[in-house]
Amino acid sequence: MHEASLVQAVLTQVATLARERGAARVVRMRIRIGQLAGVEEELFRFAFDALSHSTICADAVLEILPEKVEWTCDACGNPIAAGDRLQCSVCGWPARLVRGDSLLLEQVELETP
């Protein structure tokens, strides 16, 4: 389950951020996960619950925002619908992935003394 290593990396990043800001605890974390990121949301939540209990993120609310896949044609700018052939129907150019493959720590809400 690679979600555990992803969660561990996020927890390390957030703990560093909290320490730099002098935070007493992390209140909320918002993470954007693309449909093509290769991350199972349920496994990510499970790993977060299991790994965060002894950290500054122990009581943090984990908010996951799914990110849809978006493709476009670099040549003519034509949008290409997810699930369609990855080639522009207008000019025949190969599709380019615009979004939907990322795992992004988007926001961290901290409580400071």
PDB file of N, CA and C in Angstrom:
ATOM      1  N   MET A   1       0.858  -1.180   0.000  1.00  0.00           N
ATOM      2  CA  MET A   1       0.000   0.000   0.000  1.00  0.00           C
ATOM      3  C   MET A   1       0.899   1.238   0.000  1.00  0.00           C
ATOM      4  N   HIS A   2       1.079   1.825  -1.143  1.00  0.00           N
ATOM      5  CA  HIS A   2       1.948   2.992  -1.246  1.00  0.00           C
ATOM      6  C   HIS A   2       1.295   4.240  -0.665  1.00  0.00           C
ATOM      7  N   GLU A   3      -0.001   4.193  -0.403  1.00  0.00           N
ATOM      8  CA  GLU A   3      -0.660   5.329   0.225  1.00  0.00           C
ATOM      9  C   GLU A   3      -0.038   5.646   1.579  1.00  0.00           C
ATOM     10  N   ALA A   4       0.435   4.639   2.290  1.00  0.00           N
ATOM     11  CA  ALA A   4       1.068   4.866   3.589  1.00  0.00           C
ATOM     12  C   ALA A   4       2.327   5.717   3.448  1.00  0.00           C
ATOM     13  N   SER A   5       3.128   5.453   2.440  1.00  0.00           N
ATOM     14  CA  SER A   5       4.339   6.259   2.255  1.00  0.00           C
ATOM     15  C   SER A   5       3.980   7.676   1.807  1.00  0.00           C
ATOM     16  N   LEU A   6       2.916   7.824   1.037  1.00  0.00           N
ATOM     17  CA  LEU A   6       2.465   9.161   0.646  1.00  0.00           C
ATOM     18  C   LEU A   6       1.976   9.947   1.859  1.00  0.00           C
ATOM     19  N   VAL A   7       1.199   9.294   2.701  1.00  0.00           N
ATOM     20  CA  VAL A   7       0.698   9.945   3.919  1.00  0.00           C
ATOM     21  C   VAL A   7       1.871  10.324   4.814  1.00  0.00           C
ATOM     22  N   GLN A   8       2.852   9.440   4.953  1.00  0.00           N
ATOM     23  CA  GLN A   8       4.014   9.738   5.789  1.00  0.00           C
ATOM     24  C   GLN A   8       4.749  10.966   5.272  1.00  0.00           C
ATOM     25  N   ALA A   9       4.883  11.082   3.962  1.00  0.00           N
ATOM     26  CA  ALA A   9       5.549  12.250   3.369  1.00  0.00           C
ATOM     27  C   ALA A   9       4.747  13.522   3.641  1.00  0.00           C
ATOM     28  N   VAL A  10       3.427  13.450   3.533  1.00  0.00           N
ATOM     29  CA  VAL A  10       2.574  14.614   3.811  1.00  0.00           C
ATOM     30  C   VAL A  10       2.676  14.998   5.280  1.00  0.00           C
ATOM     31  N   LEU A  11       2.634  14.015   6.170  1.00  0.00           N
ATOM     32  CA  LEU A  11       2.725  14.306   7.608  1.00  0.00           C
ATOM     33  C   LEU A  11       4.066  14.957   7.952  1.00  0.00           C
ATOM     34  N   THR A  12       5.130  14.503   7.339  1.00  0.00           N
ATOM     35  CA  THR A  12       6.448  15.094   7.565  1.00  0.00           C
ATOM     36  C   THR A  12       6.475  16.539   7.082  1.00  0.00           C
ATOM     37  N   GLN A  13       5.922  16.777   5.903  1.00  0.00           N
ATOM     38  CA  GLN A  13       5.873  18.129   5.349  1.00  0.00           C
ATOM     39  C   GLN A  13       5.045  19.058   6.236  1.00  0.00           C
ATOM     40  N   VAL A  14       3.903  18.593   6.688  1.00  0.00           N
ATOM     41  CA  VAL A  14       3.022  19.413   7.528  1.00  0.00           C
ATOM     42  C   VAL A  14       3.662  19.659   8.898  1.00  0.00           C
ATOM     43  N   ALA A  15       4.316  18.656   9.465  1.00  0.00           N
ATOM     44  CA  ALA A  15       4.980  18.828  10.757  1.00  0.00           C
ATOM     45  C   ALA A  15       6.087  19.875  10.659  1.00  0.00           C
ATOM     46  N   THR A  16       6.831  19.861   9.578  1.00  0.00           N
ATOM     47  CA  THR A  16       7.870  20.874   9.362  1.00  0.00           C
ATOM     48  C   THR A  16       7.253  22.256   9.250  1.00  0.00           C
ATOM     49  N   LEU A  17       6.197  22.366   8.492  1.00  0.00           N
ATOM     50  CA  LEU A  17       5.490  23.640   8.334  1.00  0.00           C
ATOM     51  C   LEU A  17       4.955  24.140   9.682  1.00  0.00           C
ATOM     52  N   ALA A  18       4.362  23.241  10.455  1.00  0.00           N
ATOM     53  CA  ALA A  18       3.812  23.617  11.763  1.00  0.00           C
ATOM     54  C   ALA A  18       4.919  24.074  12.711  1.00  0.00           C
ATOM     55  N   ARG A  19       6.038  23.371  12.699  1.00  0.00           N
ATOM     56  CA  ARG A  19       7.168  23.735  13.560  1.00  0.00           C
ATOM     57  C   ARG A  19       7.718  25.111  13.172  1.00  0.00           C
ATOM     58  N   GLU A  20       7.851  25.371  11.874  1.00  0.00           N
ATOM     59  CA  GLU A  20       8.348  26.672  11.399  1.00  0.00           C
ATOM     60  C   GLU A  20       7.426  27.815  11.803  1.00  0.00           C
ATOM     61  N   ARG A  21       6.139  27.547  11.908  1.00  0.00           N
ATOM     62  CA  ARG A  21       5.154  28.582  12.238  1.00  0.00           C
ATOM     63  C   ARG A  21       4.826  28.631  13.735  1.00  0.00           C
ATOM     64  N   GLY A  22       5.432  27.753  14.519  1.00  0.00           N
ATOM     65  CA  GLY A  22       5.195  27.721  15.950  1.00  0.00           C
ATOM     66  C   GLY A  22       3.788  27.251  16.319  1.00  0.00           C
ATOM     67  N   ALA A  23       3.223  26.369  15.524  1.00  0.00           N
ATOM     68  CA  ALA A  23       1.845  25.896  15.745  1.00  0.00           C
ATOM     69  C   ALA A  23       1.777  24.892  16.892  1.00  0.00           C
ATOM     70  N   ALA A  24       0.667  24.955  17.615  1.00  0.00           N
ATOM     71  CA  ALA A  24       0.414  24.006  18.689  1.00  0.00           C
ATOM     72  C   ALA A  24      -0.181  22.708  18.138  1.00  0.00           C
ATOM     73  N   ARG A  25      -0.970  22.843  17.061  1.00  0.00           N
ATOM     74  CA  ARG A  25      -1.567  21.663  16.440  1.00  0.00           C
ATOM     75  C   ARG A  25      -2.050  22.004  15.028  1.00  0.00           C
ATOM     76  N   VAL A  26      -2.296  20.963  14.271  1.00  0.00           N
ATOM     77  CA  VAL A  26      -2.863  21.105  12.933  1.00  0.00           C
ATOM     78  C   VAL A  26      -4.362  20.868  13.063  1.00  0.00           C
ATOM     79  N   VAL A  27      -5.145  21.806  12.573  1.00  0.00           N
ATOM     80  CA  VAL A  27      -6.603  21.721  12.679  1.00  0.00           C
ATOM     81  C   VAL A  27      -7.200  21.011  11.472  1.00  0.00           C
ATOM     82  N   ARG A  28      -6.725  21.378  10.277  1.00  0.00           N
ATOM     83  CA  ARG A  28      -7.299  20.836   9.043  1.00  0.00           C
ATOM     84  C   ARG A  28      -6.224  20.772   7.960  1.00  0.00           C
ATOM     85  N   MET A  29      -6.346  19.746   7.126  1.00  0.00           N
ATOM     86  CA  MET A  29      -5.477  19.606   5.964  1.00  0.00           C
ATOM     87  C   MET A  29      -6.365  19.348   4.750  1.00  0.00           C
ATOM     88  N   ARG A  30      -6.104  20.078   3.686  1.00  0.00           N
ATOM     89  CA  ARG A  30      -6.857  19.875   2.443  1.00  0.00           C
ATOM     90  C   ARG A  30      -5.884  19.359   1.389  1.00  0.00           C
ATOM     91  N   ILE A  31      -6.232  18.196   0.830  1.00  0.00           N
ATOM     92  CA  ILE A  31      -5.377  17.557  -0.158  1.00  0.00           C
ATOM     93  C   ILE A  31      -6.190  17.289  -1.421  1.00  0.00           C
ATOM     94  N   ARG A  32      -5.625  17.668  -2.554  1.00  0.00           N
ATOM     95  CA  ARG A  32      -6.261  17.440  -3.851  1.00  0.00           C
ATOM     96  C   ARG A  32      -5.613  16.207  -4.470  1.00  0.00           C
ATOM     97  N   ILE A  33      -6.460  15.233  -4.856  1.00  0.00           N
ATOM     98  CA  ILE A  33      -5.965  13.992  -5.441  1.00  0.00           C
ATOM     99  C   ILE A  33      -6.597  13.805  -6.817  1.00  0.00           C
ATOM    100  N   GLY A  34      -5.763  13.767  -7.837  1.00  0.00           N
ATOM    101  CA  GLY A  34      -6.228  13.562  -9.203  1.00  0.00           C
ATOM    102  C   GLY A  34      -6.656  12.127  -9.443  1.00  0.00           C
ATOM    103  N   GLN A  35      -7.598  11.961 -10.338  1.00  0.00           N
ATOM    104  CA  GLN A  35      -8.101  10.631 -10.677  1.00  0.00           C
ATOM    105  C   GLN A  35      -7.014   9.723 -11.243  1.00  0.00           C
ATOM    106  N   LEU A  36      -6.004  10.306 -11.867  1.00  0.00           N
ATOM    107  CA  LEU A  36      -4.922   9.510 -12.434  1.00  0.00           C
ATOM    108  C   LEU A  36      -3.671   9.501 -11.557  1.00  0.00           C
ATOM    109  N   ALA A  37      -3.799   9.926 -10.312  1.00  0.00           N
ATOM    110  CA  ALA A  37      -2.639   9.985  -9.415  1.00  0.00           C
ATOM    111  C   ALA A  37      -2.228   8.609  -8.905  1.00  0.00           C
ATOM    112  N   GLY A  38      -3.083   7.619  -9.087  1.00  0.00           N
ATOM    113  CA  GLY A  38      -2.758   6.279  -8.603  1.00  0.00           C
ATOM    114  C   GLY A  38      -2.918   6.150  -7.107  1.00  0.00           C
ATOM    115  N   VAL A  39      -3.802   6.961  -6.524  1.00  0.00           N
ATOM    116  CA  VAL A  39      -4.019   6.967  -5.075  1.00  0.00           C
ATOM    117  C   VAL A  39      -5.472   6.609  -4.792  1.00  0.00           C
ATOM    118  N   GLU A  40      -5.666   5.592  -3.974  1.00  0.00           N
ATOM    119  CA  GLU A  40      -7.011   5.203  -3.553  1.00  0.00           C
ATOM    120  C   GLU A  40      -7.395   6.049  -2.336  1.00  0.00           C
ATOM    121  N   GLU A  41      -8.473   6.809  -2.460  1.00  0.00           N
ATOM    122  CA  GLU A  41      -8.871   7.724  -1.395  1.00  0.00           C
ATOM    123  C   GLU A  41      -9.120   6.993  -0.073  1.00  0.00           C
ATOM    124  N   GLU A  42      -9.809   5.871  -0.105  1.00  0.00           N
ATOM    125  CA  GLU A  42     -10.100   5.134   1.137  1.00  0.00           C
ATOM    126  C   GLU A  42      -8.821   4.657   1.807  1.00  0.00           C
ATOM    127  N   LEU A  43      -7.868   4.160   1.021  1.00  0.00           N
ATOM    128  CA  LEU A  43      -6.592   3.711   1.579  1.00  0.00           C
ATOM    129  C   LEU A  43      -5.790   4.885   2.122  1.00  0.00           C
ATOM    130  N   PHE A  44      -5.868   6.019   1.446  1.00  0.00           N
ATOM    131  CA  PHE A  44      -5.178   7.218   1.915  1.00  0.00           C
ATOM    132  C   PHE A  44      -5.746   7.642   3.268  1.00  0.00           C
ATOM    133  N   ARG A  45      -7.071   7.659   3.396  1.00  0.00           N
ATOM    134  CA  ARG A  45      -7.713   8.009   4.676  1.00  0.00           C
ATOM    135  C   ARG A  45      -7.342   7.022   5.771  1.00  0.00           C
ATOM    136  N   PHE A  46      -7.359   5.738   5.436  1.00  0.00           N
ATOM    137  CA  PHE A  46      -7.002   4.701   6.403  1.00  0.00           C
ATOM    138  C   PHE A  46      -5.571   4.901   6.889  1.00  0.00           C
ATOM    139  N   ALA A  47      -4.652   5.142   5.954  1.00  0.00           N
ATOM    140  CA  ALA A  47      -3.244   5.361   6.320  1.00  0.00           C
ATOM    141  C   ALA A  47      -3.098   6.634   7.156  1.00  0.00           C
ATOM    142  N   PHE A  48      -3.843   7.674   6.809  1.00  0.00           N
ATOM    143  CA  PHE A  48      -3.791   8.919   7.583  1.00  0.00           C
ATOM    144  C   PHE A  48      -4.239   8.666   9.024  1.00  0.00           C
ATOM    145  N   ASP A  49      -5.351   7.965   9.192  1.00  0.00           N
ATOM    146  CA  ASP A  49      -5.847   7.653  10.544  1.00  0.00           C
ATOM    147  C   ASP A  49      -4.835   6.832  11.330  1.00  0.00           C
ATOM    148  N   ALA A  50      -4.193   5.890  10.671  1.00  0.00           N
ATOM    149  CA  ALA A  50      -3.241   5.009  11.342  1.00  0.00           C
ATOM    150  C   ALA A  50      -1.931   5.706  11.689  1.00  0.00           C
ATOM    151  N   LEU A  51      -1.469   6.598  10.826  1.00  0.00           N
ATOM    152  CA  LEU A  51      -0.145   7.194  11.003  1.00  0.00           C
ATOM    153  C   LEU A  51      -0.137   8.542  11.708  1.00  0.00           C
ATOM    154  N   SER A  52      -1.268   9.217  11.745  1.00  0.00           N
ATOM    155  CA  SER A  52      -1.273  10.572  12.307  1.00  0.00           C
ATOM    156  C   SER A  52      -1.515  10.605  13.810  1.00  0.00           C
ATOM    157  N   HIS A  53      -1.927   9.512  14.399  1.00  0.00           N
ATOM    158  CA  HIS A  53      -2.349   9.520  15.808  1.00  0.00           C
ATOM    159  C   HIS A  53      -1.291  10.006  16.789  1.00  0.00           C
ATOM    160  N   SER A  54      -0.029   9.839  16.501  1.00  0.00           N
ATOM    161  CA  SER A  54       1.013  10.270  17.441  1.00  0.00           C
ATOM    162  C   SER A  54       1.782  11.483  16.913  1.00  0.00           C
ATOM    163  N   THR A  55       1.150  12.255  16.044  1.00  0.00           N
ATOM    164  CA  THR A  55       1.806  13.419  15.456  1.00  0.00           C
ATOM    165  C   THR A  55       1.034  14.689  15.792  1.00  0.00           C
ATOM    166  N   ILE A  56       1.563  15.811  15.346  1.00  0.00           N
ATOM    167  CA  ILE A  56       0.895  17.095  15.531  1.00  0.00           C
ATOM    168  C   ILE A  56      -0.420  17.150  14.730  1.00  0.00           C
ATOM    169  N   CYS A  57      -0.592  16.208  13.827  1.00  0.00           N
ATOM    170  CA  CYS A  57      -1.801  16.128  12.985  1.00  0.00           C
ATOM    171  C   CYS A  57      -2.849  15.182  13.558  1.00  0.00           C
ATOM    172  N   ALA A  58      -2.643  14.733  14.797  1.00  0.00           N
ATOM    173  CA  ALA A  58      -3.500  13.697  15.379  1.00  0.00           C
ATOM    174  C   ALA A  58      -4.988  14.028  15.325  1.00  0.00           C
ATOM    175  N   ASP A  59      -5.355  15.248  15.592  1.00  0.00           N
ATOM    176  CA  ASP A  59      -6.773  15.618  15.623  1.00  0.00           C
ATOM    177  C   ASP A  59      -7.206  16.395  14.393  1.00  0.00           C
ATOM    178  N   ALA A  60      -6.355  16.437  13.391  1.00  0.00           N
ATOM    179  CA  ALA A  60      -6.649  17.224  12.186  1.00  0.00           C
ATOM    180  C   ALA A  60      -7.752  16.573  11.354  1.00  0.00           C
ATOM    181  N   VAL A  61      -8.557  17.414  10.757  1.00  0.00           N
ATOM    182  CA  VAL A  61      -9.559  16.962   9.807  1.00  0.00           C
ATOM    183  C   VAL A  61      -8.862  16.835   8.449  1.00  0.00           C
ATOM    184  N   LEU A  62      -9.010  15.686   7.831  1.00  0.00           N
ATOM    185  CA  LEU A  62      -8.443  15.468   6.511  1.00  0.00           C
ATOM    186  C   LEU A  62      -9.547  15.679   5.481  1.00  0.00           C
ATOM    187  N   GLU A  63      -9.354  16.675   4.648  1.00  0.00           N
ATOM    188  CA  GLU A  63     -10.318  16.971   3.591  1.00  0.00           C
ATOM    189  C   GLU A  63      -9.667  16.608   2.265  1.00  0.00           C
ATOM    190  N   ILE A  64     -10.289  15.701   1.534  1.00  0.00           N
ATOM    191  CA  ILE A  64      -9.756  15.277   0.243  1.00  0.00           C
ATOM    192  C   ILE A  64     -10.664  15.815  -0.855  1.00  0.00           C
ATOM    193  N   LEU A  65     -10.056  16.524  -1.785  1.00  0.00           N
ATOM    194  CA  LEU A  65     -10.784  17.068  -2.933  1.00  0.00           C
ATOM    195  C   LEU A  65     -10.373  16.280  -4.171  1.00  0.00           C
ATOM    196  N   PRO A  66     -11.314  15.568  -4.778  1.00  0.00           N
ATOM    197  CA  PRO A  66     -10.965  14.844  -6.000  1.00  0.00           C
ATOM    198  C   PRO A  66     -10.774  15.810  -7.170  1.00  0.00           C
ATOM    199  N   GLU A  67      -9.816  15.503  -8.009  1.00  0.00           N
ATOM    200  CA  GLU A  67      -9.550  16.339  -9.176  1.00  0.00           C
ATOM    201  C   GLU A  67      -9.813  15.510 -10.438  1.00  0.00           C
ATOM    202  N   LYS A  68     -10.716  16.009 -11.265  1.00  0.00           N
ATOM    203  CA  LYS A  68     -11.057  15.315 -12.504  1.00  0.00           C
ATOM    204  C   LYS A  68      -9.937  15.437 -13.522  1.00  0.00           C
ATOM    205  N   VAL A  69      -9.942  14.504 -14.441  1.00  0.00           N
ATOM    206  CA  VAL A  69      -8.958  14.474 -15.511  1.00  0.00           C
ATOM    207  C   VAL A  69      -9.382  15.451 -16.604  1.00  0.00           C
ATOM    208  N   GLU A  70      -8.407  16.190 -17.112  1.00  0.00           N
ATOM    209  CA  GLU A  70      -8.666  17.133 -18.204  1.00  0.00           C
ATOM    210  C   GLU A  70      -7.553  17.009 -19.240  1.00  0.00           C
ATOM    211  N   TRP A  71      -7.959  16.828 -20.494  1.00  0.00           N
ATOM    212  CA  TRP A  71      -7.036  16.717 -21.616  1.00  0.00           C
ATOM    213  C   TRP A  71      -7.297  17.851 -22.588  1.00  0.00           C
ATOM    214  N   THR A  72      -6.266  18.222 -23.349  1.00  0.00           N
ATOM    215  CA  THR A  72      -6.420  19.242 -24.376  1.00  0.00           C
ATOM    216  C   THR A  72      -5.472  18.947 -25.530  1.00  0.00           C
ATOM    217  N   CYS A  73      -5.703  19.636 -26.625  1.00  0.00           N
ATOM    218  CA  CYS A  73      -4.817  19.540 -27.784  1.00  0.00           C
ATOM    219  C   CYS A  73      -3.859  20.732 -27.740  1.00  0.00           C
ATOM    220  N   ASP A  74      -2.562  20.452 -27.751  1.00  0.00           N
ATOM    221  CA  ASP A  74      -1.562  21.526 -27.740  1.00  0.00           C
ATOM    222  C   ASP A  74      -1.555  22.319 -29.045  1.00  0.00           C
ATOM    223  N   ALA A  75      -1.935  21.681 -30.128  1.00  0.00           N
ATOM    224  CA  ALA A  75      -1.860  22.343 -31.426  1.00  0.00           C
ATOM    225  C   ALA A  75      -2.979  23.360 -31.623  1.00  0.00           C
ATOM    226  N   CYS A  76      -4.224  22.969 -31.318  1.00  0.00           N
ATOM    227  CA  CYS A  76      -5.349  23.866 -31.610  1.00  0.00           C
ATOM    228  C   CYS A  76      -6.146  24.276 -30.380  1.00  0.00           C
ATOM    229  N   GLY A  77      -5.808  23.714 -29.216  1.00  0.00           N
ATOM    230  CA  GLY A  77      -6.495  24.099 -27.986  1.00  0.00           C
ATOM    231  C   GLY A  77      -7.832  23.423 -27.762  1.00  0.00           C
ATOM    232  N   ASN A  78      -8.200  22.510 -28.629  1.00  0.00           N
ATOM    233  CA  ASN A  78      -9.475  21.801 -28.499  1.00  0.00           C
ATOM    234  C   ASN A  78      -9.473  20.952 -27.226  1.00  0.00           C
ATOM    235  N   PRO A  79     -10.502  21.092 -26.360  1.00  0.00           N
ATOM    236  CA  PRO A  79     -10.577  20.217 -25.188  1.00  0.00           C
ATOM    237  C   PRO A  79     -10.944  18.798 -25.625  1.00  0.00           C
ATOM    238  N   ILE A  80     -10.364  17.824 -24.938  1.00  0.00           N
ATOM    239  CA  ILE A  80     -10.621  16.419 -25.247  1.00  0.00           C
ATOM    240  C   ILE A  80     -11.230  15.791 -24.005  1.00  0.00           C
ATOM    241  N   ALA A  81     -12.405  15.230 -24.147  1.00  0.00           N
ATOM    242  CA  ALA A  81     -13.129  14.672 -23.005  1.00  0.00           C
ATOM    243  C   ALA A  81     -12.416  13.444 -22.454  1.00  0.00           C
ATOM    244  N   ALA A  82     -12.440  13.317 -21.125  1.00  0.00           N
ATOM    245  CA  ALA A  82     -11.868  12.143 -20.474  1.00  0.00           C
ATOM    246  C   ALA A  82     -12.599  10.911 -20.991  1.00  0.00           C
ATOM    247  N   GLY A  83     -11.851   9.899 -21.323  1.00  0.00           N
ATOM    248  CA  GLY A  83     -12.436   8.680 -21.850  1.00  0.00           C
ATOM    249  C   GLY A  83     -12.451   8.631 -23.368  1.00  0.00           C
ATOM    250  N   ASP A  84     -12.298   9.775 -24.025  1.00  0.00           N
ATOM    251  CA  ASP A  84     -12.225   9.810 -25.483  1.00  0.00           C
ATOM    252  C   ASP A  84     -10.839   9.356 -25.936  1.00  0.00           C
ATOM    253  N   ARG A  85     -10.714   9.140 -27.227  1.00  0.00           N
ATOM    254  CA  ARG A  85      -9.421   8.815 -27.816  1.00  0.00           C
ATOM    255  C   ARG A  85      -8.459   9.966 -27.535  1.00  0.00           C
ATOM    256  N   LEU A  86      -7.237   9.659 -27.160  1.00  0.00           N
ATOM    257  CA  LEU A  86      -6.270  10.683 -26.781  1.00  0.00           C
ATOM    258  C   LEU A  86      -5.592  11.297 -28.003  1.00  0.00           C
ATOM    259  N   GLN A  87      -6.445  11.734 -28.909  1.00  0.00           N
ATOM    260  CA  GLN A  87      -6.003  12.399 -30.124  1.00  0.00           C
ATOM    261  C   GLN A  87      -7.089  13.407 -30.488  1.00  0.00           C
ATOM    262  N   CYS A  88      -6.685  14.597 -30.876  1.00  0.00           N
ATOM    263  CA  CYS A  88      -7.640  15.654 -31.198  1.00  0.00           C
ATOM    264  C   CYS A  88      -8.523  15.259 -32.378  1.00  0.00           C
ATOM    265  N   SER A  89      -9.831  15.405 -32.199  1.00  0.00           N
ATOM    266  CA  SER A  89     -10.774  15.081 -33.269  1.00  0.00           C
ATOM    267  C   SER A  89     -10.794  16.172 -34.345  1.00  0.00           C
ATOM    268  N   VAL A  90     -10.233  17.338 -34.039  1.00  0.00           N
ATOM    269  CA  VAL A  90     -10.218  18.447 -34.989  1.00  0.00           C
ATOM    270  C   VAL A  90      -8.980  18.402 -35.885  1.00  0.00           C
ATOM    271  N   CYS A  91      -7.796  18.276 -35.269  1.00  0.00           N
ATOM    272  CA  CYS A  91      -6.560  18.362 -36.060  1.00  0.00           C
ATOM    273  C   CYS A  91      -5.714  17.093 -36.039  1.00  0.00           C
ATOM    274  N   GLY A  92      -6.072  16.116 -35.193  1.00  0.00           N
ATOM    275  CA  GLY A  92      -5.335  14.859 -35.145  1.00  0.00           C
ATOM    276  C   GLY A  92      -4.106  14.850 -34.262  1.00  0.00           C
ATOM    277  N   TRP A  93      -3.806  15.976 -33.606  1.00  0.00           N
ATOM    278  CA  TRP A  93      -2.635  16.085 -32.731  1.00  0.00           C
ATOM    279  C   TRP A  93      -2.858  15.250 -31.461  1.00  0.00           C
ATOM    280  N   PRO A  94      -1.804  14.686 -30.856  1.00  0.00           N
ATOM    281  CA  PRO A  94      -1.961  13.919 -29.615  1.00  0.00           C
ATOM    282  C   PRO A  94      -2.453  14.808 -28.463  1.00  0.00           C
ATOM    283  N   ALA A  95      -3.216  14.210 -27.585  1.00  0.00           N
ATOM    284  CA  ALA A  95      -3.743  14.928 -26.429  1.00  0.00           C
ATOM    285  C   ALA A  95      -2.644  15.148 -25.393  1.00  0.00           C
ATOM    286  N   ARG A  96      -2.806  16.212 -24.611  1.00  0.00           N
ATOM    287  CA  ARG A  96      -1.894  16.499 -23.506  1.00  0.00           C
ATOM    288  C   ARG A  96      -2.713  16.555 -22.218  1.00  0.00           C
ATOM    289  N   LEU A  97      -2.217  15.891 -21.187  1.00  0.00           N
ATOM    290  CA  LEU A  97      -2.884  15.903 -19.889  1.00  0.00           C
ATOM    291  C   LEU A  97      -2.682  17.266 -19.239  1.00  0.00           C
ATOM    292  N   VAL A  98      -3.779  17.935 -18.898  1.00  0.00           N
ATOM    293  CA  VAL A  98      -3.727  19.259 -18.283  1.00  0.00           C
ATOM    294  C   VAL A  98      -3.778  19.142 -16.765  1.00  0.00           C
ATOM    295  N   ARG A  99      -4.646  18.282 -16.269  1.00  0.00           N
ATOM    296  CA  ARG A  99      -4.754  18.066 -14.816  1.00  0.00           C
ATOM    297  C   ARG A  99      -5.402  16.723 -14.547  1.00  0.00           C
ATOM    298  N   GLY A 100      -5.206  16.274 -13.316  1.00  0.00           N
ATOM    299  CA  GLY A 100      -5.836  15.023 -12.910  1.00  0.00           C
ATOM    300  C   GLY A 100      -4.862  13.942 -12.495  1.00  0.00           C
ATOM    301  N   ASP A 101      -3.570  14.253 -12.474  1.00  0.00           N
ATOM    302  CA  ASP A 101      -2.584  13.235 -12.091  1.00  0.00           C
ATOM    303  C   ASP A 101      -1.755  13.647 -10.870  1.00  0.00           C
ATOM    304  N   SER A 102      -2.229  14.650 -10.148  1.00  0.00           N
ATOM    305  CA  SER A 102      -1.396  15.167  -9.055  1.00  0.00           C
ATOM    306  C   SER A 102      -1.930  14.791  -7.669  1.00  0.00           C
ATOM    307  N   LEU A 103      -1.042  14.882  -6.724  1.00  0.00           N
ATOM    308  CA  LEU A 103      -1.366  14.786  -5.300  1.00  0.00           C
ATOM    309  C   LEU A 103      -0.805  16.066  -4.703  1.00  0.00           C
ATOM    310  N   LEU A 104      -1.680  16.949  -4.249  1.00  0.00           N
ATOM    311  CA  LEU A 104      -1.265  18.289  -3.850  1.00  0.00           C
ATOM    312  C   LEU A 104      -1.773  18.632  -2.454  1.00  0.00           C
ATOM    313  N   LEU A 105      -0.847  18.984  -1.571  1.00  0.00           N
ATOM    314  CA  LEU A 105      -1.223  19.530  -0.271  1.00  0.00           C
ATOM    315  C   LEU A 105      -1.630  20.967  -0.523  1.00  0.00           C
ATOM    316  N   GLU A 106      -2.924  21.209  -0.532  1.00  0.00           N
ATOM    317  CA  GLU A 106      -3.448  22.502  -0.962  1.00  0.00           C
ATOM    318  C   GLU A 106      -3.556  23.512   0.166  1.00  0.00           C
ATOM    319  N   GLN A 107      -3.917  23.065   1.371  1.00  0.00           N
ATOM    320  CA  GLN A 107      -4.099  24.006   2.466  1.00  0.00           C
ATOM    321  C   GLN A 107      -3.880  23.292   3.799  1.00  0.00           C
ATOM    322  N   VAL A 108      -3.274  24.026   4.725  1.00  0.00           N
ATOM    323  CA  VAL A 108      -3.080  23.544   6.088  1.00  0.00           C
ATOM    324  C   VAL A 108      -3.563  24.637   7.033  1.00  0.00           C
ATOM    325  N   GLU A 109      -4.456  24.270   7.925  1.00  0.00           N
ATOM    326  CA  GLU A 109      -4.945  25.208   8.938  1.00  0.00           C
ATOM    327  C   GLU A 109      -4.296  24.867  10.261  1.00  0.00           C
ATOM    328  N   LEU A 110      -3.586  25.830  10.829  1.00  0.00           N
ATOM    329  CA  LEU A 110      -2.826  25.622  12.057  1.00  0.00           C
ATOM    330  C   LEU A 110      -3.443  26.399  13.221  1.00  0.00           C
ATOM    331  N   GLU A 111      -3.238  25.875  14.425  1.00  0.00           N
ATOM    332  CA  GLU A 111      -3.605  26.596  15.639  1.00  0.00           C
ATOM    333  C   GLU A 111      -2.308  27.022  16.308  1.00  0.00           C
ATOM    334  N   THR A 112      -2.171  28.314  16.520  1.00  0.00           N
ATOM    335  CA  THR A 112      -0.967  28.816  17.167  1.00  0.00           C
ATOM    336  C   THR A 112      -1.328  29.347  18.552  1.00  0.00           C
ATOM    337  N   PRO A 113      -0.367  29.276  19.486  1.00  0.00           N
ATOM    338  CA  PRO A 113      -0.650  29.754  20.835  1.00  0.00           C
ATOM    339  C   PRO A 113      -0.823  31.261  20.902  1.00  0.00           C
TER     340      PRO A 113
END
